[in-house]
N, C-alpha and C. Protein backbone atom coordinates (compact mmCIF):
# COMPACT_ATOMS: atom_id res chain seq x y z
N MET A 1 -42.89 32.23 -4.69
CA MET A 1 -43.14 33.49 -3.77
C MET A 1 -43.32 33.17 -2.62
N ASP A 2 -44.39 32.26 -2.41
CA ASP A 2 -44.43 31.63 -0.99
C ASP A 2 -43.29 31.13 -0.21
N LEU A 3 -42.63 29.95 -1.29
CA LEU A 3 -41.24 29.45 -0.69
C LEU A 3 -40.23 30.80 0.07
N ILE A 4 -40.39 31.96 -0.90
CA ILE A 4 -39.26 33.15 -0.58
C ILE A 4 -39.92 33.81 0.65
N ALA A 5 -40.97 34.05 0.71
CA ALA A 5 -41.80 34.39 1.74
C ALA A 5 -41.41 33.99 3.27
N PHE A 6 -41.43 32.35 2.68
CA PHE A 6 -41.30 31.63 3.99
C PHE A 6 -39.80 31.77 5.03
N GLU A 7 -39.17 31.94 3.88
CA GLU A 7 -37.42 31.97 4.22
C GLU A 7 -37.22 33.26 4.78
N ALA A 8 -38.14 34.24 4.05
CA ALA A 8 -37.93 35.44 4.72
C ALA A 8 -38.68 35.78 6.59
N GLU A 9 -39.45 35.01 6.67
CA GLU A 9 -40.14 35.02 7.93
C GLU A 9 -39.20 34.10 9.05
N VAL A 10 -38.66 33.15 8.10
CA VAL A 10 -37.29 32.45 9.42
C VAL A 10 -36.08 33.32 9.59
N ALA A 11 -35.65 33.89 8.38
CA ALA A 11 -34.66 35.10 8.73
C ALA A 11 -34.83 36.14 9.83
N ALA A 12 -36.07 36.33 9.52
CA ALA A 12 -36.99 37.65 10.84
C ALA A 12 -36.84 37.02 12.13
N LYS A 13 -37.03 35.95 12.33
CA LYS A 13 -37.14 35.09 13.54
C LYS A 13 -35.92 34.69 13.99
N ILE A 14 -34.65 34.57 12.94
CA ILE A 14 -33.61 34.65 13.72
C ILE A 14 -32.75 35.91 13.87
N ALA A 15 -33.06 36.99 13.37
CA ALA A 15 -32.76 38.12 13.59
C ALA A 15 -33.08 38.76 14.94
N ASN A 16 -34.56 38.29 15.22
CA ASN A 16 -35.07 39.10 16.43
C ASN A 16 -35.06 38.01 17.39
N GLY A 17 -34.25 37.00 17.42
CA GLY A 17 -33.22 35.89 18.40
C GLY A 17 -35.16 34.71 18.76
N GLU A 18 -35.76 34.46 18.17
CA GLU A 18 -36.92 33.56 18.30
C GLU A 18 -36.27 32.43 17.90
N ILE A 19 -34.99 32.51 17.25
CA ILE A 19 -34.58 31.08 16.69
C ILE A 19 -33.13 31.18 16.94
N ARG A 20 -32.60 30.60 17.99
CA ARG A 20 -31.35 30.28 18.28
C ARG A 20 -30.22 29.08 18.06
N THR A 21 -30.71 28.61 17.23
CA THR A 21 -30.01 27.13 16.69
C THR A 21 -29.32 27.47 15.14
N PRO A 22 -28.65 26.37 14.85
CA PRO A 22 -28.19 26.52 13.05
C PRO A 22 -29.22 26.18 12.68
N THR A 23 -29.63 27.34 11.41
CA THR A 23 -30.31 26.90 10.40
C THR A 23 -29.83 27.53 9.22
N HIS A 24 -30.00 26.77 8.33
CA HIS A 24 -29.40 26.70 7.12
C HIS A 24 -30.68 27.18 6.09
N LEU A 25 -30.96 28.61 5.76
CA LEU A 25 -31.92 28.93 5.14
C LEU A 25 -31.54 28.69 3.50
N CYS A 26 -32.34 28.47 3.07
CA CYS A 26 -33.17 28.30 1.53
C CYS A 26 -33.07 29.28 0.58
N GLY A 27 -32.52 29.12 -0.68
CA GLY A 27 -33.12 30.50 -1.58
C GLY A 27 -31.90 30.29 -3.06
N GLY A 28 -32.37 30.91 -3.93
CA GLY A 28 -32.06 30.59 -5.34
C GLY A 28 -32.24 29.37 -5.82
N ASN A 29 -33.02 28.53 -5.34
CA ASN A 29 -33.08 27.15 -6.14
C ASN A 29 -34.76 26.52 -6.28
N GLU A 30 -35.66 28.04 -6.08
CA GLU A 30 -37.12 27.73 -6.02
C GLU A 30 -37.65 27.17 -7.38
N GLU A 31 -36.96 27.77 -8.31
CA GLU A 31 -37.47 27.23 -9.78
C GLU A 31 -37.30 25.80 -10.24
N GLN A 32 -35.98 25.16 -9.84
CA GLN A 32 -35.42 23.91 -9.82
C GLN A 32 -36.12 23.11 -9.16
N LEU A 33 -36.25 23.39 -7.72
CA LEU A 33 -37.11 22.62 -6.97
C LEU A 33 -38.55 22.21 -7.30
N ILE A 34 -39.10 23.05 -7.72
CA ILE A 34 -40.37 23.39 -8.28
C ILE A 34 -41.01 22.05 -9.40
N LYS A 35 -39.81 22.46 -10.18
CA LYS A 35 -40.03 21.67 -11.48
C LYS A 35 -39.76 19.95 -10.79
N ILE A 36 -38.75 19.97 -10.16
CA ILE A 36 -38.85 18.62 -9.64
C ILE A 36 -39.83 18.02 -8.51
N PHE A 37 -40.39 19.35 -8.04
CA PHE A 37 -41.26 18.25 -7.04
C PHE A 37 -42.82 18.15 -7.62
N GLU A 38 -42.65 18.64 -9.05
CA GLU A 38 -43.98 18.17 -10.01
C GLU A 38 -44.03 16.60 -10.41
N LYS A 39 -42.59 16.14 -10.19
CA LYS A 39 -42.65 14.90 -10.52
C LYS A 39 -42.66 13.95 -9.33
N ILE A 40 -42.85 14.28 -8.24
CA ILE A 40 -42.76 13.66 -6.74
C ILE A 40 -44.02 13.44 -6.43
N GLY A 41 -44.68 12.35 -6.59
CA GLY A 41 -46.08 11.68 -5.93
C GLY A 41 -46.08 12.11 -4.29
N PRO A 42 -47.54 12.15 -3.79
CA PRO A 42 -47.59 12.04 -2.65
C PRO A 42 -47.54 10.72 -2.14
N ASP A 43 -47.00 9.71 -2.50
CA ASP A 43 -47.10 8.28 -1.76
C ASP A 43 -45.17 8.49 -2.12
N ASP A 44 -44.40 8.99 -2.66
CA ASP A 44 -43.07 8.83 -2.82
C ASP A 44 -42.25 9.64 -1.55
N TRP A 45 -40.87 8.90 -1.56
CA TRP A 45 -40.32 9.38 -0.16
C TRP A 45 -39.30 10.37 -1.00
N VAL A 46 -39.39 11.11 0.29
CA VAL A 46 -37.97 12.23 0.19
C VAL A 46 -37.25 12.24 1.13
N PHE A 47 -36.06 12.04 0.70
CA PHE A 47 -34.65 12.53 1.73
C PHE A 47 -34.22 13.65 1.59
N ALA A 48 -33.77 14.31 2.44
CA ALA A 48 -33.39 15.95 2.05
C ALA A 48 -32.14 16.14 2.92
N THR A 49 -31.32 17.19 2.78
CA THR A 49 -30.30 17.60 3.26
C THR A 49 -30.98 18.52 4.79
N TYR A 50 -29.73 18.89 5.29
CA TYR A 50 -29.92 19.95 6.38
C TYR A 50 -30.53 21.30 6.12
N ARG A 51 -30.33 21.52 4.51
CA ARG A 51 -30.94 22.67 4.25
C ARG A 51 -32.19 22.17 3.33
N ASN A 52 -33.34 21.93 4.17
CA ASN A 52 -34.65 21.45 3.71
C ASN A 52 -35.87 22.10 3.45
N HIS A 53 -36.06 23.31 4.10
CA HIS A 53 -37.27 24.11 3.92
C HIS A 53 -38.29 23.88 2.92
N TYR A 54 -37.64 24.08 2.28
CA TYR A 54 -38.32 24.12 0.72
C TYR A 54 -38.79 22.75 0.40
N HIS A 55 -38.26 21.80 0.23
CA HIS A 55 -38.09 20.74 -0.03
C HIS A 55 -39.46 19.89 1.00
N ALA A 56 -39.35 20.36 2.50
CA ALA A 56 -40.57 19.96 3.45
C ALA A 56 -42.12 20.77 2.49
N LEU A 57 -41.72 21.96 2.60
CA LEU A 57 -43.32 22.49 2.01
C LEU A 57 -43.63 22.01 0.55
N LEU A 58 -42.93 21.78 -0.33
CA LEU A 58 -43.10 21.40 -1.36
C LEU A 58 -43.61 19.88 -1.81
N LYS A 59 -42.87 19.31 -0.48
CA LYS A 59 -43.99 18.04 -0.29
C LYS A 59 -45.20 17.94 0.33
N GLY A 60 -45.56 18.77 0.69
CA GLY A 60 -46.98 19.08 1.19
C GLY A 60 -47.15 19.29 2.85
N ILE A 61 -46.02 19.64 3.38
CA ILE A 61 -45.86 19.71 4.68
C ILE A 61 -46.47 20.68 4.93
N PRO A 62 -47.31 21.34 6.04
CA PRO A 62 -48.03 22.27 6.20
C PRO A 62 -46.67 23.33 6.53
N PRO A 63 -46.86 24.51 6.16
CA PRO A 63 -45.94 25.70 6.44
C PRO A 63 -45.94 26.10 7.97
N GLU A 64 -47.08 25.63 8.73
CA GLU A 64 -46.89 25.85 10.56
C GLU A 64 -46.37 24.76 11.05
N ALA A 65 -46.32 23.23 10.75
CA ALA A 65 -45.69 22.59 11.47
C ALA A 65 -43.94 22.47 10.71
N VAL A 66 -43.65 23.03 9.64
CA VAL A 66 -42.46 23.37 9.09
C VAL A 66 -41.61 24.30 10.20
N MET A 67 -42.54 25.17 10.27
CA MET A 67 -41.67 26.71 11.16
C MET A 67 -41.67 25.97 12.57
N ARG A 68 -42.90 25.35 13.39
CA ARG A 68 -43.01 24.90 14.61
C ARG A 68 -41.63 24.26 14.91
N GLN A 69 -41.04 23.39 13.90
CA GLN A 69 -39.72 22.41 13.70
C GLN A 69 -38.47 23.50 13.90
N ILE A 70 -38.62 24.19 13.00
CA ILE A 70 -37.59 25.34 12.82
C ILE A 70 -37.53 26.28 14.51
N VAL A 71 -38.68 26.54 14.84
CA VAL A 71 -38.49 27.40 16.15
C VAL A 71 -38.25 26.62 17.44
N HIS A 72 -38.20 25.32 17.12
CA HIS A 72 -37.76 24.44 18.39
C HIS A 72 -36.61 23.85 18.11
N GLY A 73 -35.65 24.42 17.07
CA GLY A 73 -34.43 23.98 17.10
C GLY A 73 -34.27 22.83 16.17
N ARG A 74 -34.97 22.34 15.34
CA ARG A 74 -34.98 21.04 14.63
C ARG A 74 -35.09 21.67 12.97
N SER A 75 -34.32 22.39 12.79
CA SER A 75 -34.25 23.16 11.28
C SER A 75 -33.55 22.17 10.44
N MET A 76 -32.65 21.44 11.29
CA MET A 76 -31.69 20.76 10.12
C MET A 76 -32.10 19.34 9.93
N THR A 77 -33.17 18.79 11.06
CA THR A 77 -33.56 17.26 11.15
C THR A 77 -34.75 17.23 11.24
N PRO A 78 -35.83 17.81 10.54
CA PRO A 78 -36.99 17.53 10.85
C PRO A 78 -37.57 16.36 9.86
N CYS A 79 -38.41 15.15 10.66
CA CYS A 79 -38.79 14.01 9.86
C CYS A 79 -40.43 13.87 10.06
N HIS A 80 -40.74 14.12 9.07
CA HIS A 80 -42.73 13.59 9.05
C HIS A 80 -42.91 12.30 8.38
N PRO A 81 -42.60 11.23 9.14
CA PRO A 81 -43.42 10.41 8.44
C PRO A 81 -44.31 9.86 8.04
N GLY A 82 -45.31 10.83 8.26
CA GLY A 82 -46.68 10.50 7.39
C GLY A 82 -46.78 11.21 5.92
N HIS A 83 -45.88 12.05 5.66
CA HIS A 83 -45.72 12.65 4.48
C HIS A 83 -44.44 12.07 3.78
N ARG A 84 -43.78 10.73 4.66
CA ARG A 84 -42.58 10.32 4.07
C ARG A 84 -41.54 11.23 3.58
N PHE A 85 -41.21 12.13 4.64
CA PHE A 85 -40.24 13.00 4.44
C PHE A 85 -39.40 12.91 5.58
N PHE A 86 -37.75 12.63 5.35
CA PHE A 86 -36.71 12.48 6.11
C PHE A 86 -35.63 13.38 5.82
N THR A 87 -34.95 13.75 7.12
CA THR A 87 -33.57 14.39 6.59
C THR A 87 -32.72 14.18 7.23
N SER A 88 -31.71 14.38 7.53
CA SER A 88 -30.35 14.47 8.56
C SER A 88 -29.40 15.80 8.34
N ALA A 89 -28.86 15.89 9.50
CA ALA A 89 -27.88 16.72 9.51
C ALA A 89 -26.46 16.74 9.16
N ILE A 90 -26.35 15.08 9.02
CA ILE A 90 -25.13 14.93 8.74
C ILE A 90 -24.49 14.60 7.09
N VAL A 91 -23.86 14.72 6.69
CA VAL A 91 -23.43 15.34 5.27
C VAL A 91 -23.63 13.75 4.84
N GLY A 92 -24.46 13.71 3.92
CA GLY A 92 -25.12 12.60 3.37
C GLY A 92 -25.17 11.05 3.97
N GLY A 93 -26.20 11.69 5.27
CA GLY A 93 -26.54 10.48 6.31
C GLY A 93 -27.91 10.23 5.76
N CYS A 94 -28.66 10.64 4.90
CA CYS A 94 -29.56 9.86 4.49
C CYS A 94 -29.56 8.70 3.36
N LEU A 95 -28.29 9.13 2.61
CA LEU A 95 -27.92 7.92 1.61
C LEU A 95 -28.24 6.60 1.89
N PRO A 96 -28.09 6.22 2.62
CA PRO A 96 -27.80 4.66 3.14
C PRO A 96 -29.26 4.44 3.50
N ILE A 97 -30.06 5.15 3.79
CA ILE A 97 -31.54 5.02 4.33
C ILE A 97 -32.30 5.02 3.13
N ALA A 98 -32.11 6.17 2.23
CA ALA A 98 -32.95 6.00 0.98
C ALA A 98 -32.88 4.95 0.39
N VAL A 99 -31.14 4.33 0.27
CA VAL A 99 -31.42 3.04 -0.42
C VAL A 99 -32.04 2.16 -0.17
N GLY A 100 -32.09 1.78 1.26
CA GLY A 100 -32.85 1.11 2.16
C GLY A 100 -33.86 0.83 1.55
N VAL A 101 -34.81 2.12 1.79
CA VAL A 101 -36.36 2.37 1.37
C VAL A 101 -36.34 1.81 -0.13
N ALA A 102 -35.61 2.04 -0.96
CA ALA A 102 -35.74 2.22 -2.38
C ALA A 102 -35.77 0.34 -2.52
N ALA A 103 -34.80 -0.37 -1.75
CA ALA A 103 -34.68 -1.72 -1.87
C ALA A 103 -36.24 -2.46 -1.39
N ALA A 104 -36.29 -1.66 -0.40
CA ALA A 104 -37.99 -2.25 0.50
C ALA A 104 -38.90 -2.21 -0.92
N ILE A 105 -39.10 -0.87 -1.56
CA ILE A 105 -40.23 -0.84 -2.21
C ILE A 105 -40.09 -1.85 -3.46
N GLN A 106 -38.84 -2.15 -3.87
CA GLN A 106 -38.45 -2.79 -4.92
C GLN A 106 -39.03 -4.25 -4.76
N ARG A 107 -38.31 -4.94 -3.60
CA ARG A 107 -38.78 -6.19 -3.22
C ARG A 107 -40.35 -6.28 -2.60
N HIS A 108 -41.00 -4.95 -2.57
CA HIS A 108 -42.40 -5.52 -2.00
C HIS A 108 -43.13 -5.25 -3.91
N HIS A 109 -42.67 -4.80 -4.21
CA HIS A 109 -43.39 -4.43 -5.88
C HIS A 109 -44.51 -3.40 -5.55
N THR A 110 -44.13 -2.30 -4.82
CA THR A 110 -45.34 -1.43 -4.54
C THR A 110 -44.64 0.01 -5.48
N PRO A 111 -45.74 0.97 -5.83
CA PRO A 111 -45.52 1.97 -6.92
C PRO A 111 -44.73 3.27 -6.52
N GLU A 112 -44.39 3.33 -5.05
CA GLU A 112 -43.27 4.30 -4.71
C GLU A 112 -42.16 4.70 -5.43
N HIS A 113 -41.54 5.85 -5.30
CA HIS A 113 -40.26 6.20 -5.83
C HIS A 113 -39.56 7.11 -4.64
N VAL A 114 -38.44 6.74 -4.48
CA VAL A 114 -37.51 7.71 -3.96
C VAL A 114 -36.51 8.74 -3.98
N TRP A 115 -36.42 9.67 -3.77
CA TRP A 115 -35.99 11.02 -4.17
C TRP A 115 -35.22 11.15 -2.67
N CYS A 116 -33.52 11.38 -3.49
CA CYS A 116 -32.57 11.95 -2.10
C CYS A 116 -31.87 12.88 -2.43
N PHE A 117 -31.87 14.04 -1.84
CA PHE A 117 -31.44 15.14 -2.50
C PHE A 117 -30.19 15.06 -1.70
N VAL A 118 -28.95 15.52 -2.16
CA VAL A 118 -27.87 15.80 -1.74
C VAL A 118 -26.93 17.23 -1.87
N GLY A 119 -26.06 17.49 -1.25
CA GLY A 119 -25.35 18.86 -1.75
C GLY A 119 -24.11 18.33 -2.73
N ASP A 120 -23.45 19.39 -3.46
CA ASP A 120 -22.39 18.95 -4.00
C ASP A 120 -21.23 18.11 -3.34
N MET A 121 -21.40 19.06 -2.01
CA MET A 121 -20.18 18.11 -1.43
C MET A 121 -20.71 16.89 -0.64
N ALA A 122 -21.56 16.45 -0.41
CA ALA A 122 -22.14 15.08 -0.06
C ALA A 122 -21.69 14.34 -1.46
N ALA A 123 -22.27 15.00 -2.52
CA ALA A 123 -21.67 13.99 -3.82
C ALA A 123 -20.57 13.77 -3.79
N THR A 124 -19.57 14.20 -3.31
CA THR A 124 -17.87 13.92 -3.69
C THR A 124 -17.69 12.60 -2.74
N THR A 125 -18.31 12.13 -1.72
CA THR A 125 -18.16 11.30 -0.79
C THR A 125 -17.93 9.68 -0.99
N GLY A 126 -17.75 9.22 -0.18
CA GLY A 126 -17.76 7.50 -0.58
C GLY A 126 -19.27 6.98 -0.39
N ALA A 127 -19.80 7.72 0.54
CA ALA A 127 -21.33 7.23 0.66
C ALA A 127 -22.04 7.17 -0.43
N PHE A 128 -21.98 8.63 -1.20
CA PHE A 128 -22.25 8.74 -2.47
C PHE A 128 -22.12 7.94 -3.38
N THR A 129 -20.94 7.55 -3.41
CA THR A 129 -20.43 6.73 -4.63
C THR A 129 -21.29 5.43 -4.48
N GLU A 130 -21.00 4.60 -3.03
CA GLU A 130 -21.74 3.40 -2.78
C GLU A 130 -23.28 3.50 -3.07
N ALA A 131 -23.91 4.82 -2.57
CA ALA A 131 -25.56 4.24 -2.89
C ALA A 131 -25.32 4.58 -4.29
N THR A 132 -24.88 5.17 -5.60
CA THR A 132 -25.52 5.35 -6.49
C THR A 132 -25.24 3.93 -7.32
N ARG A 133 -24.08 3.61 -6.71
CA ARG A 133 -23.40 2.53 -7.81
C ARG A 133 -24.54 1.79 -7.23
N TYR A 134 -24.81 1.20 -5.94
CA TYR A 134 -25.59 -0.03 -5.41
C TYR A 134 -27.06 -0.12 -5.98
N ALA A 135 -27.55 1.41 -5.87
CA ALA A 135 -29.02 1.70 -6.61
C ALA A 135 -28.94 1.33 -7.75
N GLY A 136 -27.74 1.78 -8.56
CA GLY A 136 -27.70 1.69 -10.25
C GLY A 136 -27.89 -0.02 -10.67
N GLY A 137 -26.74 -0.70 -10.03
CA GLY A 137 -26.42 -1.72 -10.40
C GLY A 137 -27.62 -2.92 -9.90
N HIS A 138 -28.77 -2.21 -9.13
CA HIS A 138 -29.69 -3.20 -8.71
C HIS A 138 -31.16 -2.36 -9.44
N LYS A 139 -30.78 -1.72 -10.01
CA LYS A 139 -32.39 -1.10 -10.36
C LYS A 139 -33.22 -0.64 -9.53
N LEU A 140 -32.84 0.19 -8.48
CA LEU A 140 -33.86 0.62 -7.66
C LEU A 140 -34.95 2.00 -7.93
N PRO A 141 -35.87 1.88 -7.55
CA PRO A 141 -36.55 3.00 -8.08
C PRO A 141 -36.10 4.28 -7.12
N ILE A 142 -34.94 4.67 -7.35
CA ILE A 142 -34.71 6.32 -6.82
C ILE A 142 -33.99 6.94 -7.57
N THR A 143 -34.15 7.98 -7.07
CA THR A 143 -33.69 9.24 -8.05
C THR A 143 -32.82 10.44 -7.13
N PHE A 144 -31.61 10.27 -7.49
CA PHE A 144 -30.30 11.28 -6.53
C PHE A 144 -30.07 12.42 -7.39
N VAL A 145 -30.82 13.79 -6.40
CA VAL A 145 -30.38 15.18 -6.72
C VAL A 145 -29.33 15.46 -6.19
N ILE A 146 -28.40 16.33 -6.98
CA ILE A 146 -27.20 17.05 -6.45
C ILE A 146 -27.78 18.34 -6.70
N GLU A 147 -27.43 19.15 -5.72
CA GLU A 147 -27.96 20.38 -5.60
C GLU A 147 -26.56 21.38 -5.50
N ASP A 148 -26.21 21.53 -6.35
CA ASP A 148 -24.91 22.34 -6.44
C ASP A 148 -24.63 23.83 -6.54
N ASN A 149 -24.40 24.46 -5.41
CA ASN A 149 -24.27 25.64 -5.31
C ASN A 149 -22.64 26.02 -4.84
N GLY A 150 -21.80 25.02 -5.07
CA GLY A 150 -20.69 25.25 -4.95
C GLY A 150 -20.05 25.21 -3.69
N LEU A 151 -20.78 25.35 -3.16
CA LEU A 151 -20.40 25.53 -1.19
C LEU A 151 -20.49 24.45 -0.54
N ALA A 152 -19.63 23.96 0.54
CA ALA A 152 -20.02 23.43 1.35
C ALA A 152 -20.09 23.82 2.77
N CYS A 153 -21.49 24.33 3.27
CA CYS A 153 -21.70 25.53 4.41
C CYS A 153 -21.04 26.78 3.66
N ASP A 154 -20.08 26.95 4.08
CA ASP A 154 -19.56 28.26 3.21
C ASP A 154 -18.23 28.52 2.47
N THR A 155 -17.76 27.04 2.74
CA THR A 155 -16.60 26.59 1.83
C THR A 155 -16.42 26.07 0.42
N PRO A 156 -16.12 27.14 -0.06
CA PRO A 156 -15.85 26.51 -2.06
C PRO A 156 -15.66 24.95 -2.18
N THR A 157 -16.63 24.24 -2.36
CA THR A 157 -16.28 22.72 -2.48
C THR A 157 -15.22 22.47 -3.40
N ARG A 158 -15.22 23.27 -4.50
CA ARG A 158 -13.79 22.56 -5.34
C ARG A 158 -12.64 22.75 -5.03
N GLU A 159 -12.60 24.12 -4.51
CA GLU A 159 -11.42 24.72 -3.74
C GLU A 159 -10.70 23.28 -2.47
N VAL A 160 -12.00 23.06 -2.06
CA VAL A 160 -11.74 21.88 -0.73
C VAL A 160 -11.41 20.53 -1.35
N TRP A 161 -11.76 20.07 -2.28
CA TRP A 161 -11.69 18.85 -2.96
C TRP A 161 -10.88 18.85 -4.32
N GLY A 162 -10.99 19.97 -4.95
CA GLY A 162 -9.90 19.72 -6.20
C GLY A 162 -10.83 19.57 -7.04
N SER A 163 -10.32 19.89 -8.72
CA SER A 163 -11.48 19.68 -9.64
C SER A 163 -10.76 18.43 -10.76
N GLY A 164 -9.68 18.09 -10.31
CA GLY A 164 -9.26 17.34 -11.10
C GLY A 164 -9.26 15.80 -11.04
N ASP A 165 -9.32 15.23 -11.94
CA ASP A 165 -9.44 13.39 -11.26
C ASP A 165 -7.85 13.04 -11.16
N PRO A 166 -8.39 11.82 -10.10
CA PRO A 166 -7.08 11.28 -9.57
C PRO A 166 -6.39 10.46 -10.90
N ASP A 167 -5.22 10.38 -10.36
CA ASP A 167 -4.15 9.28 -11.25
C ASP A 167 -4.57 7.83 -11.05
N VAL A 168 -5.28 7.12 -11.64
CA VAL A 168 -6.06 6.08 -11.24
C VAL A 168 -5.54 5.02 -12.49
N LEU A 169 -4.53 3.95 -12.08
CA LEU A 169 -4.32 2.77 -12.89
C LEU A 169 -5.30 1.43 -12.63
N HIS A 170 -5.99 1.26 -13.84
CA HIS A 170 -7.19 0.10 -13.57
C HIS A 170 -6.63 -1.06 -14.74
N TYR A 171 -6.44 -2.13 -14.03
CA TYR A 171 -6.41 -3.54 -14.88
C TYR A 171 -7.32 -4.60 -15.21
N SER A 172 -7.05 -5.50 -15.87
CA SER A 172 -8.22 -6.39 -15.66
C SER A 172 -7.17 -7.77 -16.15
N TYR A 173 -7.60 -8.79 -15.52
CA TYR A 173 -6.70 -10.17 -15.41
C TYR A 173 -7.79 -11.05 -15.29
N LYS A 174 -7.39 -12.47 -15.79
CA LYS A 174 -8.30 -13.60 -15.69
C LYS A 174 -7.97 -14.35 -14.02
N ARG A 175 -8.48 -14.69 -13.21
CA ARG A 175 -7.90 -15.31 -12.08
C ARG A 175 -7.63 -16.84 -12.90
N GLN A 176 -6.56 -17.17 -12.27
CA GLN A 176 -6.40 -18.70 -12.03
C GLN A 176 -6.84 -19.67 -11.20
N GLN A 177 -6.77 -19.21 -10.02
CA GLN A 177 -7.30 -20.01 -8.89
C GLN A 177 -8.36 -19.75 -8.43
N PRO A 178 -9.57 -20.73 -7.90
CA PRO A 178 -10.61 -20.38 -7.08
C PRO A 178 -10.34 -19.62 -5.90
N HIS A 179 -11.28 -18.85 -5.43
CA HIS A 179 -11.36 -18.22 -3.89
C HIS A 179 -11.58 -19.37 -2.95
N LEU A 180 -10.65 -19.46 -1.64
CA LEU A 180 -10.71 -20.38 -1.00
C LEU A 180 -10.95 -19.97 0.52
N GLY A 181 -12.06 -20.35 0.86
CA GLY A 181 -12.38 -19.71 2.47
C GLY A 181 -11.61 -20.50 3.67
N ALA A 182 -11.71 -19.68 4.86
CA ALA A 182 -10.71 -20.02 5.92
C ALA A 182 -10.99 -21.37 6.03
N ILE A 183 -10.12 -22.49 6.24
CA ILE A 183 -9.93 -23.66 7.08
C ILE A 183 -10.30 -23.62 8.60
N ALA A 184 -11.21 -24.31 8.81
CA ALA A 184 -11.41 -24.82 10.53
C ALA A 184 -10.84 -25.54 10.90
N ALA A 185 -9.98 -25.22 11.75
CA ALA A 185 -8.62 -26.30 12.51
C ALA A 185 -9.68 -27.12 13.21
């Protein structure tokens, strides 16, 4: 109920003109996020989307600090390094950074974990494919969470991207010649 009340306060501030910048309100995913954040430790890293108010609150950032960011026009891009919380207004913008942090954690053998939240639109991008394949291939300490509301802002994601699989022809072969680099003249 605290999450819902917080967003209602944000909506009221938008309605009365206190907030005049783009703001993406949360809602409808409270139960799912609460369950996910029960697994997220205080030393874990969270990379969120531009719809991030609930994430910030659940990560433990004080509501006054979150509201201050929103009122000052930073609803989509708040970053709180002390809480290991980062966002981006760019669709999929946090993906490579989150993977880099996970790689650093692995290299330093520290116990933290990275949680990277993306919307269903970002999950259709090449950046998502590259991030998840690299992280999986290197067994990085990162969990990707796709928040699927079926919309890319207000556009139906599947209507824009389609729902069919592409026609891909895949074959394997054994290379006969070694790869040769460029020869210096």
